[in-house]
mmCIF file of all heavy atoms, coordinates in Angstrom:
data_MODEL
# 
_entry.id   MODEL 
# 
loop_
_atom_site.group_PDB 
_atom_site.id 
_atom_site.type_symbol 
_atom_site.label_atom_id 
_atom_site.label_alt_id 
_atom_site.label_comp_id 
_atom_site.label_asym_id 
_atom_site.label_entity_id 
_atom_site.label_seq_id 
_atom_site.pdbx_PDB_ins_code 
_atom_site.Cartn_x 
_atom_site.Cartn_y 
_atom_site.Cartn_z 
_atom_site.occupancy 
_atom_site.B_iso_or_equiv 
_atom_site.pdbx_formal_charge 
_atom_site.auth_seq_id 
_atom_site.auth_comp_id 
_atom_site.auth_asym_id 
_atom_site.auth_atom_id 
_atom_site.pdbx_PDB_model_num 
ATOM 1   N N   . ASN A 1 1  ? -21.965 5.683  17.811 1.00 0.00 ? 1  ASN A N   1 
ATOM 2   C CA  . ASN A 1 1  ? -21.513 4.343  17.418 1.00 0.00 ? 1  ASN A CA  1 
ATOM 3   C C   . ASN A 1 1  ? -20.485 3.787  18.372 1.00 0.00 ? 1  ASN A C   1 
ATOM 4   O O   . ASN A 1 1  ? -20.364 2.568  18.540 1.00 0.00 ? 1  ASN A O   1 
ATOM 5   C CB  . ASN A 1 1  ? -20.986 4.359  15.997 1.00 0.00 ? 1  ASN A CB  1 
ATOM 6   C CG  . ASN A 1 1  ? -22.116 4.487  14.966 1.00 0.00 ? 1  ASN A CG  1 
ATOM 7   O OD1 . ASN A 1 1  ? -23.285 4.209  15.254 1.00 0.00 ? 1  ASN A OD1 1 
ATOM 8   N ND2 . ASN A 1 1  ? -21.792 4.920  13.760 1.00 0.00 ? 1  ASN A ND2 1 
ATOM 9   N N   . ALA A 1 2  ? -19.726 4.660  19.004 1.00 0.00 ? 2  ALA A N   1 
ATOM 10  C CA  . ALA A 1 2  ? -18.748 4.182  19.962 1.00 0.00 ? 2  ALA A CA  1 
ATOM 11  C C   . ALA A 1 2  ? -19.423 3.554  21.202 1.00 0.00 ? 2  ALA A C   1 
ATOM 12  O O   . ALA A 1 2  ? -18.853 2.631  21.825 1.00 0.00 ? 2  ALA A O   1 
ATOM 13  C CB  . ALA A 1 2  ? -17.856 5.339  20.412 1.00 0.00 ? 2  ALA A CB  1 
ATOM 14  N N   . LYS A 1 3  ? -20.635 4.024  21.493 1.00 0.00 ? 3  LYS A N   1 
ATOM 15  C CA  . LYS A 1 3  ? -21.380 3.450  22.649 1.00 0.00 ? 3  LYS A CA  1 
ATOM 16  C C   . LYS A 1 3  ? -22.401 2.430  22.152 1.00 0.00 ? 3  LYS A C   1 
ATOM 17  O O   . LYS A 1 3  ? -23.166 1.914  22.989 1.00 0.00 ? 3  LYS A O   1 
ATOM 18  C CB  . LYS A 1 3  ? -22.071 4.570  23.393 1.00 0.00 ? 3  LYS A CB  1 
ATOM 19  C CG  . LYS A 1 3  ? -21.118 5.507  24.099 1.00 0.00 ? 3  LYS A CG  1 
ATOM 20  C CD  . LYS A 1 3  ? -21.870 6.554  24.916 1.00 0.00 ? 3  LYS A CD  1 
ATOM 21  C CE  . LYS A 1 3  ? -20.892 7.455  25.662 1.00 0.00 ? 3  LYS A CE  1 
ATOM 22  N NZ  . LYS A 1 3  ? -21.617 8.484  26.475 1.00 0.00 ? 3  LYS A NZ  1 
ATOM 23  N N   . ASN A 1 4  ? -22.451 2.205  20.843 1.00 0.00 ? 4  ASN A N   1 
ATOM 24  C CA  . ASN A 1 4  ? -23.419 1.235  20.292 1.00 0.00 ? 4  ASN A CA  1 
ATOM 25  C C   . ASN A 1 4  ? -24.847 1.590  20.670 1.00 0.00 ? 4  ASN A C   1 
ATOM 26  O O   . ASN A 1 4  ? -25.646 0.684  20.971 1.00 0.00 ? 4  ASN A O   1 
ATOM 27  C CB  . ASN A 1 4  ? -23.059 -0.185 20.786 1.00 0.00 ? 4  ASN A CB  1 
ATOM 28  C CG  . ASN A 1 4  ? -22.851 -1.133 19.624 1.00 0.00 ? 4  ASN A CG  1 
ATOM 29  O OD1 . ASN A 1 4  ? -22.629 -0.736 18.490 1.00 0.00 ? 4  ASN A OD1 1 
ATOM 30  N ND2 . ASN A 1 4  ? -22.935 -2.426 19.930 1.00 0.00 ? 4  ASN A ND2 1 
ATOM 31  N N   . THR A 1 5  ? -25.152 2.859  20.631 1.00 0.00 ? 5  THR A N   1 
ATOM 32  C CA  . THR A 1 5  ? -26.454 3.327  21.096 1.00 0.00 ? 5  THR A CA  1 
ATOM 33  C C   . THR A 1 5  ? -27.031 4.364  20.168 1.00 0.00 ? 5  THR A C   1 
ATOM 34  O O   . THR A 1 5  ? -26.278 5.227  19.631 1.00 0.00 ? 5  THR A O   1 
ATOM 35  C CB  . THR A 1 5  ? -26.326 3.909  22.525 1.00 0.00 ? 5  THR A CB  1 
ATOM 36  O OG1 . THR A 1 5  ? -25.805 2.888  23.395 1.00 0.00 ? 5  THR A OG1 1 
ATOM 37  C CG2 . THR A 1 5  ? -27.699 4.371  23.068 1.00 0.00 ? 5  THR A CG2 1 
ATOM 38  N N   . VAL A 1 6  ? -28.320 4.311  19.996 1.00 0.00 ? 6  VAL A N   1 
ATOM 39  C CA  . VAL A 1 6  ? -29.064 5.310  19.242 1.00 0.00 ? 6  VAL A CA  1 
ATOM 40  C C   . VAL A 1 6  ? -30.064 5.958  20.196 1.00 0.00 ? 6  VAL A C   1 
ATOM 41  O O   . VAL A 1 6  ? -30.643 5.269  21.040 1.00 0.00 ? 6  VAL A O   1 
ATOM 42  C CB  . VAL A 1 6  ? -29.764 4.698  18.047 1.00 0.00 ? 6  VAL A CB  1 
ATOM 43  C CG1 . VAL A 1 6  ? -30.681 5.721  17.339 1.00 0.00 ? 6  VAL A CG1 1 
ATOM 44  C CG2 . VAL A 1 6  ? -28.736 4.178  17.034 1.00 0.00 ? 6  VAL A CG2 1 
ATOM 45  N N   . TYR A 1 7  ? -30.250 7.246  20.035 1.00 0.00 ? 7  TYR A N   1 
ATOM 46  C CA  . TYR A 1 7  ? -31.116 8.006  20.927 1.00 0.00 ? 7  TYR A CA  1 
ATOM 47  C C   . TYR A 1 7  ? -32.287 8.616  20.207 1.00 0.00 ? 7  TYR A C   1 
ATOM 48  O O   . TYR A 1 7  ? -32.207 8.908  18.995 1.00 0.00 ? 7  TYR A O   1 
ATOM 49  C CB  . TYR A 1 7  ? -30.329 9.089  21.630 1.00 0.00 ? 7  TYR A CB  1 
ATOM 50  C CG  . TYR A 1 7  ? -29.088 8.636  22.335 1.00 0.00 ? 7  TYR A CG  1 
ATOM 51  C CD1 . TYR A 1 7  ? -27.853 8.685  21.719 1.00 0.00 ? 7  TYR A CD1 1 
ATOM 52  C CD2 . TYR A 1 7  ? -29.177 8.111  23.624 1.00 0.00 ? 7  TYR A CD2 1 
ATOM 53  C CE1 . TYR A 1 7  ? -26.710 8.251  22.387 1.00 0.00 ? 7  TYR A CE1 1 
ATOM 54  C CE2 . TYR A 1 7  ? -28.055 7.658  24.284 1.00 0.00 ? 7  TYR A CE2 1 
ATOM 55  C CZ  . TYR A 1 7  ? -26.825 7.748  23.653 1.00 0.00 ? 7  TYR A CZ  1 
ATOM 56  O OH  . TYR A 1 7  ? -25.693 7.283  24.313 1.00 0.00 ? 7  TYR A OH  1 
ATOM 57  N N   . LEU A 1 8  ? -33.357 8.871  20.946 1.00 0.00 ? 8  LEU A N   1 
ATOM 58  C CA  . LEU A 1 8  ? -34.477 9.650  20.422 1.00 0.00 ? 8  LEU A CA  1 
ATOM 59  C C   . LEU A 1 8  ? -34.815 10.668 21.506 1.00 0.00 ? 8  LEU A C   1 
ATOM 60  O O   . LEU A 1 8  ? -35.419 10.297 22.529 1.00 0.00 ? 8  LEU A O   1 
ATOM 61  C CB  . LEU A 1 8  ? -35.669 8.777  20.081 1.00 0.00 ? 8  LEU A CB  1 
ATOM 62  C CG  . LEU A 1 8  ? -36.827 9.505  19.411 1.00 0.00 ? 8  LEU A CG  1 
ATOM 63  C CD1 . LEU A 1 8  ? -36.420 10.006 18.016 1.00 0.00 ? 8  LEU A CD1 1 
ATOM 64  C CD2 . LEU A 1 8  ? -38.068 8.622  19.308 1.00 0.00 ? 8  LEU A CD2 1 
ATOM 65  N N   . GLN A 1 9  ? -34.408 11.881 21.285 1.00 0.00 ? 9  GLN A N   1 
ATOM 66  C CA  . GLN A 1 9  ? -34.744 12.971 22.210 1.00 0.00 ? 9  GLN A CA  1 
ATOM 67  C C   . GLN A 1 9  ? -36.120 13.494 21.808 1.00 0.00 ? 9  GLN A C   1 
ATOM 68  O O   . GLN A 1 9  ? -36.343 13.896 20.666 1.00 0.00 ? 9  GLN A O   1 
ATOM 69  C CB  . GLN A 1 9  ? -33.715 14.092 22.093 1.00 0.00 ? 9  GLN A CB  1 
ATOM 70  C CG  . GLN A 1 9  ? -34.027 15.317 22.936 1.00 0.00 ? 9  GLN A CG  1 
ATOM 71  C CD  . GLN A 1 9  ? -33.929 15.028 24.424 1.00 0.00 ? 9  GLN A CD  1 
ATOM 72  O OE1 . GLN A 1 9  ? -32.998 14.360 24.868 1.00 0.00 ? 9  GLN A OE1 1 
ATOM 73  N NE2 . GLN A 1 9  ? -34.905 15.517 25.203 1.00 0.00 ? 9  GLN A NE2 1 
ATOM 74  N N   . MET A 1 10 ? -37.029 13.489 22.779 1.00 0.00 ? 10 MET A N   1 
ATOM 75  C CA  . MET A 1 10 ? -38.419 13.886 22.510 1.00 0.00 ? 10 MET A CA  1 
ATOM 76  C C   . MET A 1 10 ? -38.745 15.080 23.386 1.00 0.00 ? 10 MET A C   1 
ATOM 77  O O   . MET A 1 10 ? -38.764 14.955 24.615 1.00 0.00 ? 10 MET A O   1 
ATOM 78  C CB  . MET A 1 10 ? -39.368 12.722 22.779 1.00 0.00 ? 10 MET A CB  1 
ATOM 79  C CG  . MET A 1 10 ? -38.993 11.460 22.043 1.00 0.00 ? 10 MET A CG  1 
ATOM 80  S SD  . MET A 1 10 ? -40.220 10.136 22.197 1.00 0.00 ? 10 MET A SD  1 
ATOM 81  C CE  . MET A 1 10 ? -40.145 9.828  23.969 1.00 0.00 ? 10 MET A CE  1 
ATOM 82  N N   . ASN A 1 11 ? -38.987 16.204 22.761 1.00 0.00 ? 11 ASN A N   1 
ATOM 83  C CA  . ASN A 1 11 ? -39.347 17.433 23.474 1.00 0.00 ? 11 ASN A CA  1 
ATOM 84  C C   . ASN A 1 11 ? -40.781 17.825 23.178 1.00 0.00 ? 11 ASN A C   1 
ATOM 85  O O   . ASN A 1 11 ? -41.373 17.364 22.186 1.00 0.00 ? 11 ASN A O   1 
ATOM 86  C CB  . ASN A 1 11 ? -38.423 18.574 23.071 1.00 0.00 ? 11 ASN A CB  1 
ATOM 87  C CG  . ASN A 1 11 ? -36.958 18.288 23.419 1.00 0.00 ? 11 ASN A CG  1 
ATOM 88  O OD1 . ASN A 1 11 ? -36.664 17.604 24.373 1.00 0.00 ? 11 ASN A OD1 1 
ATOM 89  N ND2 . ASN A 1 11 ? -36.044 18.819 22.602 1.00 0.00 ? 11 ASN A ND2 1 
ATOM 90  N N   . SER A 1 12 ? -41.318 18.679 23.986 1.00 0.00 ? 12 SER A N   1 
ATOM 91  C CA  . SER A 1 12 ? -42.697 19.190 23.799 1.00 0.00 ? 12 SER A CA  1 
ATOM 92  C C   . SER A 1 12 ? -43.664 18.062 23.538 1.00 0.00 ? 12 SER A C   1 
ATOM 93  O O   . SER A 1 12 ? -44.437 18.070 22.583 1.00 0.00 ? 12 SER A O   1 
ATOM 94  C CB  . SER A 1 12 ? -42.716 20.171 22.619 1.00 0.00 ? 12 SER A CB  1 
ATOM 95  O OG  . SER A 1 12 ? -41.828 21.265 22.826 1.00 0.00 ? 12 SER A OG  1 
ATOM 96  N N   . LEU A 1 13 ? -43.611 17.079 24.393 1.00 0.00 ? 13 LEU A N   1 
ATOM 97  C CA  . LEU A 1 13 ? -44.427 15.878 24.186 1.00 0.00 ? 13 LEU A CA  1 
ATOM 98  C C   . LEU A 1 13 ? -45.903 16.202 24.246 1.00 0.00 ? 13 LEU A C   1 
ATOM 99  O O   . LEU A 1 13 ? -46.360 17.069 24.992 1.00 0.00 ? 13 LEU A O   1 
ATOM 100 C CB  . LEU A 1 13 ? -44.061 14.812 25.209 1.00 0.00 ? 13 LEU A CB  1 
ATOM 101 C CG  . LEU A 1 13 ? -42.757 14.062 24.898 1.00 0.00 ? 13 LEU A CG  1 
ATOM 102 C CD1 . LEU A 1 13 ? -42.227 13.365 26.140 1.00 0.00 ? 13 LEU A CD1 1 
ATOM 103 C CD2 . LEU A 1 13 ? -42.979 13.060 23.763 1.00 0.00 ? 13 LEU A CD2 1 
ATOM 104 N N   . LYS A 1 14 ? -46.665 15.478 23.440 1.00 0.00 ? 14 LYS A N   1 
ATOM 105 C CA  . LYS A 1 14 ? -48.109 15.612 23.366 1.00 0.00 ? 14 LYS A CA  1 
ATOM 106 C C   . LYS A 1 14 ? -48.754 14.283 23.699 1.00 0.00 ? 14 LYS A C   1 
ATOM 107 O O   . LYS A 1 14 ? -48.110 13.228 23.606 1.00 0.00 ? 14 LYS A O   1 
ATOM 108 C CB  . LYS A 1 14 ? -48.515 16.026 21.946 1.00 0.00 ? 14 LYS A CB  1 
ATOM 109 C CG  . LYS A 1 14 ? -47.836 17.269 21.434 1.00 0.00 ? 14 LYS A CG  1 
ATOM 110 C CD  . LYS A 1 14 ? -48.213 17.524 19.970 1.00 0.00 ? 14 LYS A CD  1 
ATOM 111 C CE  . LYS A 1 14 ? -47.551 18.766 19.415 1.00 0.00 ? 14 LYS A CE  1 
ATOM 112 N NZ  . LYS A 1 14 ? -47.897 19.032 18.016 1.00 0.00 ? 14 LYS A NZ  1 
ATOM 113 N N   . SER A 1 15 ? -50.019 14.329 24.015 1.00 0.00 ? 15 SER A N   1 
ATOM 114 C CA  . SER A 1 15 ? -50.745 13.087 24.347 1.00 0.00 ? 15 SER A CA  1 
ATOM 115 C C   . SER A 1 15 ? -50.730 12.131 23.162 1.00 0.00 ? 15 SER A C   1 
ATOM 116 O O   . SER A 1 15 ? -50.701 10.916 23.335 1.00 0.00 ? 15 SER A O   1 
ATOM 117 C CB  . SER A 1 15 ? -52.150 13.399 24.793 1.00 0.00 ? 15 SER A CB  1 
ATOM 118 O OG  . SER A 1 15 ? -52.864 14.107 23.793 1.00 0.00 ? 15 SER A OG  1 
ATOM 119 N N   . ASP A 1 16 ? -50.717 12.659 21.939 1.00 0.00 ? 16 ASP A N   1 
ATOM 120 C CA  . ASP A 1 16 ? -50.652 11.824 20.751 1.00 0.00 ? 16 ASP A CA  1 
ATOM 121 C C   . ASP A 1 16 ? -49.345 11.050 20.630 1.00 0.00 ? 16 ASP A C   1 
ATOM 122 O O   . ASP A 1 16 ? -49.249 10.141 19.809 1.00 0.00 ? 16 ASP A O   1 
ATOM 123 C CB  . ASP A 1 16 ? -50.852 12.655 19.484 1.00 0.00 ? 16 ASP A CB  1 
ATOM 124 C CG  . ASP A 1 16 ? -52.288 13.124 19.327 1.00 0.00 ? 16 ASP A CG  1 
ATOM 125 O OD1 . ASP A 1 16 ? -53.153 12.625 20.081 1.00 0.00 ? 16 ASP A OD1 1 
ATOM 126 O OD2 . ASP A 1 16 ? -52.535 13.991 18.485 1.00 0.00 ? 16 ASP A OD2 1 
ATOM 127 N N   . ASP A 1 17 ? -48.356 11.419 21.386 1.00 0.00 ? 17 ASP A N   1 
ATOM 128 C CA  . ASP A 1 17 ? -47.069 10.699 21.341 1.00 0.00 ? 17 ASP A CA  1 
ATOM 129 C C   . ASP A 1 17 ? -47.085 9.474  22.231 1.00 0.00 ? 17 ASP A C   1 
ATOM 130 O O   . ASP A 1 17 ? -46.088 8.704  22.242 1.00 0.00 ? 17 ASP A O   1 
ATOM 131 C CB  . ASP A 1 17 ? -45.937 11.620 21.808 1.00 0.00 ? 17 ASP A CB  1 
ATOM 132 C CG  . ASP A 1 17 ? -45.726 12.823 20.917 1.00 0.00 ? 17 ASP A CG  1 
ATOM 133 O OD1 . ASP A 1 17 ? -45.817 12.644 19.664 1.00 0.00 ? 17 ASP A OD1 1 
ATOM 134 O OD2 . ASP A 1 17 ? -45.503 13.917 21.438 1.00 0.00 ? 17 ASP A OD2 1 
ATOM 135 N N   . THR A 1 18 ? -48.153 9.243  22.945 1.00 0.00 ? 18 THR A N   1 
ATOM 136 C CA  . THR A 1 18 ? -48.257 8.077  23.826 1.00 0.00 ? 18 THR A CA  1 
ATOM 137 C C   . THR A 1 18 ? -48.204 6.799  23.011 1.00 0.00 ? 18 THR A C   1 
ATOM 138 O O   . THR A 1 18 ? -48.825 6.681  21.941 1.00 0.00 ? 18 THR A O   1 
ATOM 139 C CB  . THR A 1 18 ? -49.554 8.134  24.622 1.00 0.00 ? 18 THR A CB  1 
ATOM 140 O OG1 . THR A 1 18 ? -49.494 9.221  25.537 1.00 0.00 ? 18 THR A OG1 1 
ATOM 141 C CG2 . THR A 1 18 ? -49.811 6.855  25.389 1.00 0.00 ? 18 THR A CG2 1 
ATOM 142 N N   . GLY A 1 19 ? -47.449 5.836  23.558 1.00 0.00 ? 19 GLY A N   1 
ATOM 143 C CA  . GLY A 1 19 ? -47.362 4.528  22.894 1.00 0.00 ? 19 GLY A CA  1 
ATOM 144 C C   . GLY A 1 19 ? -46.131 3.774  23.334 1.00 0.00 ? 19 GLY A C   1 
ATOM 145 O O   . GLY A 1 19 ? -45.346 4.263  24.161 1.00 0.00 ? 19 GLY A O   1 
ATOM 146 N N   . VAL A 1 20 ? -46.007 2.602  22.798 1.00 0.00 ? 20 VAL A N   1 
ATOM 147 C CA  . VAL A 1 20 ? -44.794 1.811  23.002 1.00 0.00 ? 20 VAL A CA  1 
ATOM 148 C C   . VAL A 1 20 ? -43.823 2.159  21.894 1.00 0.00 ? 20 VAL A C   1 
ATOM 149 O O   . VAL A 1 20 ? -44.179 2.059  20.713 1.00 0.00 ? 20 VAL A O   1 
ATOM 150 C CB  . VAL A 1 20 ? -45.083 0.297  23.050 1.00 0.00 ? 20 VAL A CB  1 
ATOM 151 C CG1 . VAL A 1 20 ? -43.776 -0.484 23.223 1.00 0.00 ? 20 VAL A CG1 1 
ATOM 152 C CG2 . VAL A 1 20 ? -46.083 -0.044 24.127 1.00 0.00 ? 20 VAL A CG2 1 
ATOM 153 N N   . TYR A 1 21 ? -42.633 2.526  22.265 1.00 0.00 ? 21 TYR A N   1 
ATOM 154 C CA  . TYR A 1 21 ? -41.618 2.919  21.276 1.00 0.00 ? 21 TYR A CA  1 
ATOM 155 C C   . TYR A 1 21 ? -40.621 1.764  21.098 1.00 0.00 ? 21 TYR A C   1 
ATOM 156 O O   . TYR A 1 21 ? -40.089 1.250  22.075 1.00 0.00 ? 21 TYR A O   1 
ATOM 157 C CB  . TYR A 1 21 ? -40.895 4.158  21.738 1.00 0.00 ? 21 TYR A CB  1 
ATOM 158 C CG  . TYR A 1 21 ? -41.711 5.425  21.499 1.00 0.00 ? 21 TYR A CG  1 
ATOM 159 C CD1 . TYR A 1 21 ? -42.828 5.678  22.251 1.00 0.00 ? 21 TYR A CD1 1 
ATOM 160 C CD2 . TYR A 1 21 ? -41.354 6.324  20.520 1.00 0.00 ? 21 TYR A CD2 1 
ATOM 161 C CE1 . TYR A 1 21 ? -43.610 6.805  22.039 1.00 0.00 ? 21 TYR A CE1 1 
ATOM 162 C CE2 . TYR A 1 21 ? -42.111 7.478  20.278 1.00 0.00 ? 21 TYR A CE2 1 
ATOM 163 C CZ  . TYR A 1 21 ? -43.228 7.703  21.036 1.00 0.00 ? 21 TYR A CZ  1 
ATOM 164 O OH  . TYR A 1 21 ? -43.990 8.833  20.799 1.00 0.00 ? 21 TYR A OH  1 
ATOM 165 N N   . TYR A 1 22 ? -40.407 1.436  19.833 1.00 0.00 ? 22 TYR A N   1 
ATOM 166 C CA  . TYR A 1 22 ? -39.504 0.356  19.471 1.00 0.00 ? 22 TYR A CA  1 
ATOM 167 C C   . TYR A 1 22 ? -38.361 0.907  18.614 1.00 0.00 ? 22 TYR A C   1 
ATOM 168 O O   . TYR A 1 22 ? -38.580 1.759  17.760 1.00 0.00 ? 22 TYR A O   1 
ATOM 169 C CB  . TYR A 1 22 ? -40.224 -0.698 18.642 1.00 0.00 ? 22 TYR A CB  1 
ATOM 170 C CG  . TYR A 1 22 ? -41.374 -1.346 19.306 1.00 0.00 ? 22 TYR A CG  1 
ATOM 171 C CD1 . TYR A 1 22 ? -42.670 -0.827 19.204 1.00 0.00 ? 22 TYR A CD1 1 
ATOM 172 C CD2 . TYR A 1 22 ? -41.214 -2.547 20.022 1.00 0.00 ? 22 TYR A CD2 1 
ATOM 173 C CE1 . TYR A 1 22 ? -43.731 -1.440 19.807 1.00 0.00 ? 22 TYR A CE1 1 
ATOM 174 C CE2 . TYR A 1 22 ? -42.303 -3.162 20.637 1.00 0.00 ? 22 TYR A CE2 1 
ATOM 175 C CZ  . TYR A 1 22 ? -43.559 -2.611 20.512 1.00 0.00 ? 22 TYR A CZ  1 
ATOM 176 O OH  . TYR A 1 22 ? -44.615 -3.220 21.108 1.00 0.00 ? 22 TYR A OH  1 
ATOM 177 N N   . CYS A 1 23 ? -37.169 0.358  18.831 1.00 0.00 ? 23 CYS A N   1 
ATOM 178 C CA  . CYS A 1 23 ? -36.097 0.646  17.885 1.00 0.00 ? 23 CYS A CA  1 
ATOM 179 C C   . CYS A 1 23 ? -35.861 -0.612 17.056 1.00 0.00 ? 23 CYS A C   1 
ATOM 180 O O   . CYS A 1 23 ? -36.136 -1.737 17.491 1.00 0.00 ? 23 CYS A O   1 
ATOM 181 C CB  . CYS A 1 23 ? -34.829 1.114  18.561 1.00 0.00 ? 23 CYS A CB  1 
ATOM 182 S SG  . CYS A 1 23 ? -34.034 -0.083 19.642 1.00 0.00 ? 23 CYS A SG  1 
ATOM 183 N N   . ALA A 1 24 ? -35.368 -0.392 15.848 1.00 0.00 ? 24 ALA A N   1 
ATOM 184 C CA  . ALA A 1 24 ? -35.104 -1.486 14.937 1.00 0.00 ? 24 ALA A CA  1 
ATOM 185 C C   . ALA A 1 24 ? -33.838 -1.200 14.153 1.00 0.00 ? 24 ALA A C   1 
ATOM 186 O O   . ALA A 1 24 ? -33.490 -0.030 13.935 1.00 0.00 ? 24 ALA A O   1 
ATOM 187 C CB  . ALA A 1 24 ? -36.277 -1.644 13.984 1.00 0.00 ? 24 ALA A CB  1 
ATOM 188 N N   . ALA A 1 25 ? -33.160 -2.238 13.739 1.00 0.00 ? 25 ALA A N   1 
ATOM 189 C CA  . ALA A 1 25 ? -31.874 -2.070 13.046 1.00 0.00 ? 25 ALA A CA  1 
ATOM 190 C C   . ALA A 1 25 ? -31.828 -2.910 11.781 1.00 0.00 ? 25 ALA A C   1 
ATOM 191 O O   . ALA A 1 25 ? -32.373 -4.014 11.703 1.00 0.00 ? 25 ALA A O   1 
ATOM 192 C CB  . ALA A 1 25 ? -30.740 -2.477 13.952 1.00 0.00 ? 25 ALA A CB  1 
ATOM 193 N N   . LYS A 1 26 ? -31.175 -2.348 10.785 1.00 0.00 ? 26 LYS A N   1 
ATOM 194 C CA  . LYS A 1 26 ? -30.998 -3.052 9.525  1.00 0.00 ? 26 LYS A CA  1 
ATOM 195 C C   . LYS A 1 26 ? -29.574 -2.809 9.022  1.00 0.00 ? 26 LYS A C   1 
ATOM 196 O O   . LYS A 1 26 ? -29.117 -1.669 8.949  1.00 0.00 ? 26 LYS A O   1 
ATOM 197 C CB  . LYS A 1 26 ? -31.974 -2.567 8.453  1.00 0.00 ? 26 LYS A CB  1 
ATOM 198 C CG  . LYS A 1 26 ? -31.690 -3.193 7.099  1.00 0.00 ? 26 LYS A CG  1 
ATOM 199 C CD  . LYS A 1 26 ? -32.661 -2.762 6.056  1.00 0.00 ? 26 LYS A CD  1 
ATOM 200 C CE  . LYS A 1 26 ? -32.223 -3.286 4.676  1.00 0.00 ? 26 LYS A CE  1 
ATOM 201 N NZ  . LYS A 1 26 ? -32.004 -4.741 4.649  1.00 0.00 ? 26 LYS A NZ  1 
ATOM 202 N N   . TYR A 1 27 ? -28.890 -3.899 8.681  1.00 0.00 ? 27 TYR A N   1 
ATOM 203 C CA  . TYR A 1 27 ? -27.553 -3.796 8.111  1.00 0.00 ? 27 TYR A CA  1 
ATOM 204 C C   . TYR A 1 27 ? -27.674 -3.048 6.771  1.00 0.00 ? 27 TYR A C   1 
ATOM 205 O O   . TYR A 1 27 ? -28.529 -3.351 5.947  1.00 0.00 ? 27 TYR A O   1 
ATOM 206 C CB  . TYR A 1 27 ? -26.931 -5.150 7.901  1.00 0.00 ? 27 TYR A CB  1 
ATOM 207 C CG  . TYR A 1 27 ? -25.505 -5.071 7.403  1.00 0.00 ? 27 TYR A CG  1 
ATOM 208 C CD1 . TYR A 1 27 ? -24.460 -4.911 8.303  1.00 0.00 ? 27 TYR A CD1 1 
ATOM 209 C CD2 . TYR A 1 27 ? -25.210 -5.108 6.036  1.00 0.00 ? 27 TYR A CD2 1 
ATOM 210 C CE1 . TYR A 1 27 ? -23.156 -4.823 7.879  1.00 0.00 ? 27 TYR A CE1 1 
ATOM 211 C CE2 . TYR A 1 27 ? -23.904 -5.014 5.609  1.00 0.00 ? 27 TYR A CE2 1 
ATOM 212 C CZ  . TYR A 1 27 ? -22.864 -4.847 6.529  1.00 0.00 ? 27 TYR A CZ  1 
ATOM 213 O OH  . TYR A 1 27 ? -21.589 -4.733 6.087  1.00 0.00 ? 27 TYR A OH  1 
ATOM 214 N N   . ALA A 1 28 ? -26.770 -2.094 6.567  1.00 0.00 ? 28 ALA A N   1 
ATOM 215 C CA  . ALA A 1 28 ? -26.800 -1.297 5.336  1.00 0.00 ? 28 ALA A CA  1 
ATOM 216 C C   . ALA A 1 28 ? -25.402 -1.210 4.748  1.00 0.00 ? 28 ALA A C   1 
ATOM 217 O O   . ALA A 1 28 ? -24.455 -0.817 5.439  1.00 0.00 ? 28 ALA A O   1 
ATOM 218 C CB  . ALA A 1 28 ? -27.359 0.088  5.613  1.00 0.00 ? 28 ALA A CB  1 
ATOM 219 N N   . PHE A 1 29 ? -25.263 -1.581 3.487  1.00 0.00 ? 29 PHE A N   1 
ATOM 220 C CA  . PHE A 1 29 ? -23.969 -1.469 2.824  1.00 0.00 ? 29 PHE A CA  1 
ATOM 221 C C   . PHE A 1 29 ? -23.602 -0.008 2.604  1.00 0.00 ? 29 PHE A C   1 
ATOM 222 O O   . PHE A 1 29 ? -22.441 0.379  2.637  1.00 0.00 ? 29 PHE A O   1 
ATOM 223 C CB  . PHE A 1 29 ? -23.989 -2.219 1.497  1.00 0.00 ? 29 PHE A CB  1 
ATOM 224 C CG  . PHE A 1 29 ? -24.085 -3.699 1.651  1.00 0.00 ? 29 PHE A CG  1 
ATOM 225 C CD1 . PHE A 1 29 ? -25.312 -4.350 1.533  1.00 0.00 ? 29 PHE A CD1 1 
ATOM 226 C CD2 . PHE A 1 29 ? -22.960 -4.457 1.927  1.00 0.00 ? 29 PHE A CD2 1 
ATOM 227 C CE1 . PHE A 1 29 ? -25.380 -5.717 1.696  1.00 0.00 ? 29 PHE A CE1 1 
ATOM 228 C CE2 . PHE A 1 29 ? -23.024 -5.840 2.074  1.00 0.00 ? 29 PHE A CE2 1 
ATOM 229 C CZ  . PHE A 1 29 ? -24.246 -6.455 1.966  1.00 0.00 ? 29 PHE A CZ  1 
# 
């Protein structure tokens, strides 16, 4: 949160993981 960044570390990638990856945000109380 200090860097205002979210990460997705992806290991052991497979062909089924192919695609366009999107991040999305929602305000939460």
